[in-house]
Amino acid sequence: MKKHFILLSLLLSILTASSRISAQPTPFIYDFVQSFHEGFAMVMKDGKCGFIGRTGKVVIPFIYDDAISFSEGLAAVKKEGKWGFIDKSGNLLILSEEEKVQ
């Protein structure tokens, strides 16, 4: 009986210590993280938007003033007051006034 009590006490001590270790706060990397769409998540850091992949690696740099998630292979982005679209490689397509659909 004494062995069981000692073993149980030891086990509880280990569990309590491990919960204290994992309870330490994790520093935030981004100011805002959106959910993943088509393998990318829009993230914001220092007031600029970019995109990360599922591994957490930045795949489209933080150069946009605003952004909307990927849909059908494109994401809407805003830079210098102009909205456009980027593909999953980060290639930018900005529509001119004449090309916009009314």
C-alpha atoms as a PDB file:
ATOM      1  CA  MET A   1       0.000   0.000   0.000  1.00  0.00           C
ATOM      2  CA  LYS A   2       2.846   2.338   0.870  1.00  0.00           C
ATOM      3  CA  LYS A   3       4.477   1.634  -2.513  1.00  0.00           C
ATOM      4  CA  HIS A   4       1.263   2.565  -4.319  1.00  0.00           C
ATOM      5  CA  PHE A   5       0.993   5.817  -2.380  1.00  0.00           C
ATOM      6  CA  ILE A   6       4.621   6.742  -3.157  1.00  0.00           C
ATOM      7  CA  LEU A   7       4.199   5.841  -6.827  1.00  0.00           C
ATOM      8  CA  LEU A   8       0.985   7.846  -7.078  1.00  0.00           C
ATOM      9  CA  SER A   9       2.595  10.835  -5.347  1.00  0.00           C
ATOM     10  CA  LEU A  10       5.553  10.688  -7.719  1.00  0.00           C
ATOM     11  CA  LEU A  11       3.282  10.504 -10.748  1.00  0.00           C
ATOM     12  CA  LEU A  12       1.215  13.485  -9.578  1.00  0.00           C
ATOM     13  CA  SER A  13       4.400  15.483  -8.958  1.00  0.00           C
ATOM     14  CA  ILE A  14       5.616  14.808 -12.501  1.00  0.00           C
ATOM     15  CA  LEU A  15       2.245  15.752 -14.021  1.00  0.00           C
ATOM     16  CA  THR A  16       2.064  18.945 -11.972  1.00  0.00           C
ATOM     17  CA  ALA A  17       5.606  19.951 -12.961  1.00  0.00           C
ATOM     18  CA  SER A  18       4.979  19.276 -16.653  1.00  0.00           C
ATOM     19  CA  SER A  19       1.774  21.320 -16.610  1.00  0.00           C
ATOM     20  CA  ARG A  20       3.689  24.275 -15.163  1.00  0.00           C
ATOM     21  CA  ILE A  21       6.263  24.011 -17.937  1.00  0.00           C
ATOM     22  CA  SER A  22       3.675  23.924 -20.722  1.00  0.00           C
ATOM     23  CA  ALA A  23       1.611  26.705 -19.132  1.00  0.00           C
ATOM     24  CA  GLN A  24       4.262  29.306 -19.953  1.00  0.00           C
ATOM     25  CA  PRO A  25       2.948  31.863 -22.425  1.00  0.00           C
ATOM     26  CA  THR A  26       4.011  31.596 -26.047  1.00  0.00           C
ATOM     27  CA  PRO A  27       5.058  34.917 -27.569  1.00  0.00           C
ATOM     28  CA  PHE A  28       2.887  36.162 -30.422  1.00  0.00           C
ATOM     29  CA  ILE A  29       4.567  36.363 -33.819  1.00  0.00           C
ATOM     30  CA  TYR A  30       1.744  38.092 -35.693  1.00  0.00           C
ATOM     31  CA  ASP A  31      -0.750  40.811 -34.811  1.00  0.00           C
ATOM     32  CA  PHE A  32      -3.560  38.984 -36.625  1.00  0.00           C
ATOM     33  CA  VAL A  33      -3.958  35.537 -38.194  1.00  0.00           C
ATOM     34  CA  GLN A  34      -6.845  34.555 -40.428  1.00  0.00           C
ATOM     35  CA  SER A  35      -7.912  30.955 -41.013  1.00  0.00           C
ATOM     36  CA  PHE A  36      -6.368  28.953 -43.851  1.00  0.00           C
ATOM     37  CA  HIS A  37      -7.965  29.081 -47.298  1.00  0.00           C
ATOM     38  CA  GLU A  38      -6.496  27.093 -50.174  1.00  0.00           C
ATOM     39  CA  GLY A  39      -3.362  26.378 -48.120  1.00  0.00           C
ATOM     40  CA  PHE A  40      -2.631  29.998 -47.141  1.00  0.00           C
ATOM     41  CA  ALA A  41      -3.483  32.169 -44.155  1.00  0.00           C
ATOM     42  CA  MET A  42      -3.440  35.948 -44.289  1.00  0.00           C
ATOM     43  CA  VAL A  43      -1.380  37.327 -41.420  1.00  0.00           C
ATOM     44  CA  MET A  44      -0.680  40.858 -40.254  1.00  0.00           C
ATOM     45  CA  LYS A  45       2.516  42.097 -38.670  1.00  0.00           C
ATOM     46  CA  ASP A  46       3.430  45.700 -37.878  1.00  0.00           C
ATOM     47  CA  GLY A  47       0.452  46.978 -39.891  1.00  0.00           C
ATOM     48  CA  LYS A  48       1.299  45.079 -43.094  1.00  0.00           C
ATOM     49  CA  CYS A  49      -0.355  41.952 -44.524  1.00  0.00           C
ATOM     50  CA  GLY A  50       1.243  38.865 -46.011  1.00  0.00           C
ATOM     51  CA  PHE A  51       0.520  35.152 -46.273  1.00  0.00           C
ATOM     52  CA  ILE A  52       1.915  32.043 -44.606  1.00  0.00           C
ATOM     53  CA  GLY A  53       1.708  28.416 -45.711  1.00  0.00           C
ATOM     54  CA  ARG A  54       0.549  25.497 -43.577  1.00  0.00           C
ATOM     55  CA  THR A  55       4.070  25.033 -42.193  1.00  0.00           C
ATOM     56  CA  GLY A  56       3.960  28.582 -40.809  1.00  0.00           C
ATOM     57  CA  LYS A  57       6.604  29.838 -43.224  1.00  0.00           C
ATOM     58  CA  VAL A  58       6.008  33.252 -44.825  1.00  0.00           C
ATOM     59  CA  VAL A  59       5.328  32.632 -48.519  1.00  0.00           C
ATOM     60  CA  ILE A  60       4.117  36.097 -49.554  1.00  0.00           C
ATOM     61  CA  PRO A  61       5.911  38.937 -47.731  1.00  0.00           C
ATOM     62  CA  PHE A  62       4.349  41.637 -45.550  1.00  0.00           C
ATOM     63  CA  ILE A  63       4.048  44.386 -48.148  1.00  0.00           C
ATOM     64  CA  TYR A  64       0.291  44.944 -48.395  1.00  0.00           C
ATOM     65  CA  ASP A  65      -1.859  47.457 -46.532  1.00  0.00           C
ATOM     66  CA  ASP A  66      -4.838  45.075 -46.534  1.00  0.00           C
ATOM     67  CA  ALA A  67      -5.637  41.613 -47.888  1.00  0.00           C
ATOM     68  CA  ILE A  68      -8.487  39.152 -48.252  1.00  0.00           C
ATOM     69  CA  SER A  69      -8.075  35.371 -48.206  1.00  0.00           C
ATOM     70  CA  PHE A  70      -7.422  33.248 -51.269  1.00  0.00           C
ATOM     71  CA  SER A  71     -10.413  32.086 -53.266  1.00  0.00           C
ATOM     72  CA  GLU A  72     -10.253  30.336 -56.630  1.00  0.00           C
ATOM     73  CA  GLY A  73      -6.477  30.749 -56.679  1.00  0.00           C
ATOM     74  CA  LEU A  74      -6.400  34.510 -56.083  1.00  0.00           C
ATOM     75  CA  ALA A  75      -6.287  36.832 -53.078  1.00  0.00           C
ATOM     76  CA  ALA A  76      -7.368  40.475 -53.068  1.00  0.00           C
ATOM     77  CA  VAL A  77      -4.658  42.831 -51.809  1.00  0.00           C
ATOM     78  CA  LYS A  78      -4.421  46.575 -51.257  1.00  0.00           C
ATOM     79  CA  LYS A  79      -1.200  48.532 -51.708  1.00  0.00           C
ATOM     80  CA  GLU A  80      -0.763  52.287 -51.993  1.00  0.00           C
ATOM     81  CA  GLY A  81      -4.529  52.774 -52.137  1.00  0.00           C
ATOM     82  CA  LYS A  82      -5.054  50.367 -55.048  1.00  0.00           C
ATOM     83  CA  TRP A  83      -6.750  46.980 -54.869  1.00  0.00           C
ATOM     84  CA  GLY A  84      -5.637  44.107 -57.022  1.00  0.00           C
ATOM     85  CA  PHE A  85      -5.198  40.360 -56.960  1.00  0.00           C
ATOM     86  CA  ILE A  86      -2.209  38.121 -56.384  1.00  0.00           C
ATOM     87  CA  ASP A  87      -1.814  34.495 -57.335  1.00  0.00           C
ATOM     88  CA  LYS A  88      -0.332  31.869 -55.041  1.00  0.00           C
ATOM     89  CA  SER A  89       3.173  32.769 -56.217  1.00  0.00           C
ATOM     90  CA  GLY A  90       2.650  36.385 -55.207  1.00  0.00           C
ATOM     91  CA  ASN A  91       2.413  37.696 -58.778  1.00  0.00           C
ATOM     92  CA  LEU A  92       0.370  40.900 -58.713  1.00  0.00           C
ATOM     93  CA  LEU A  93      -2.431  41.892 -61.093  1.00  0.00           C
ATOM     94  CA  ILE A  94      -3.963  45.326 -60.550  1.00  0.00           C
ATOM     95  CA  LEU A  95      -7.017  46.231 -62.590  1.00  0.00           C
ATOM     96  CA  SER A  96      -7.057  49.669 -64.190  1.00  0.00           C
ATOM     97  CA  GLU A  97     -10.201  51.815 -64.110  1.00  0.00           C
ATOM     98  CA  GLU A  98     -11.085  50.757 -67.661  1.00  0.00           C
ATOM     99  CA  GLU A  99     -10.824  47.049 -66.839  1.00  0.00           C
ATOM    100  CA  LYS A 100     -13.042  47.107 -63.740  1.00  0.00           C
ATOM    101  CA  VAL A 101     -16.401  45.442 -64.135  1.00  0.00           C
ATOM    102  CA  GLN A 102     -19.269  47.874 -63.509  1.00  0.00           C
END
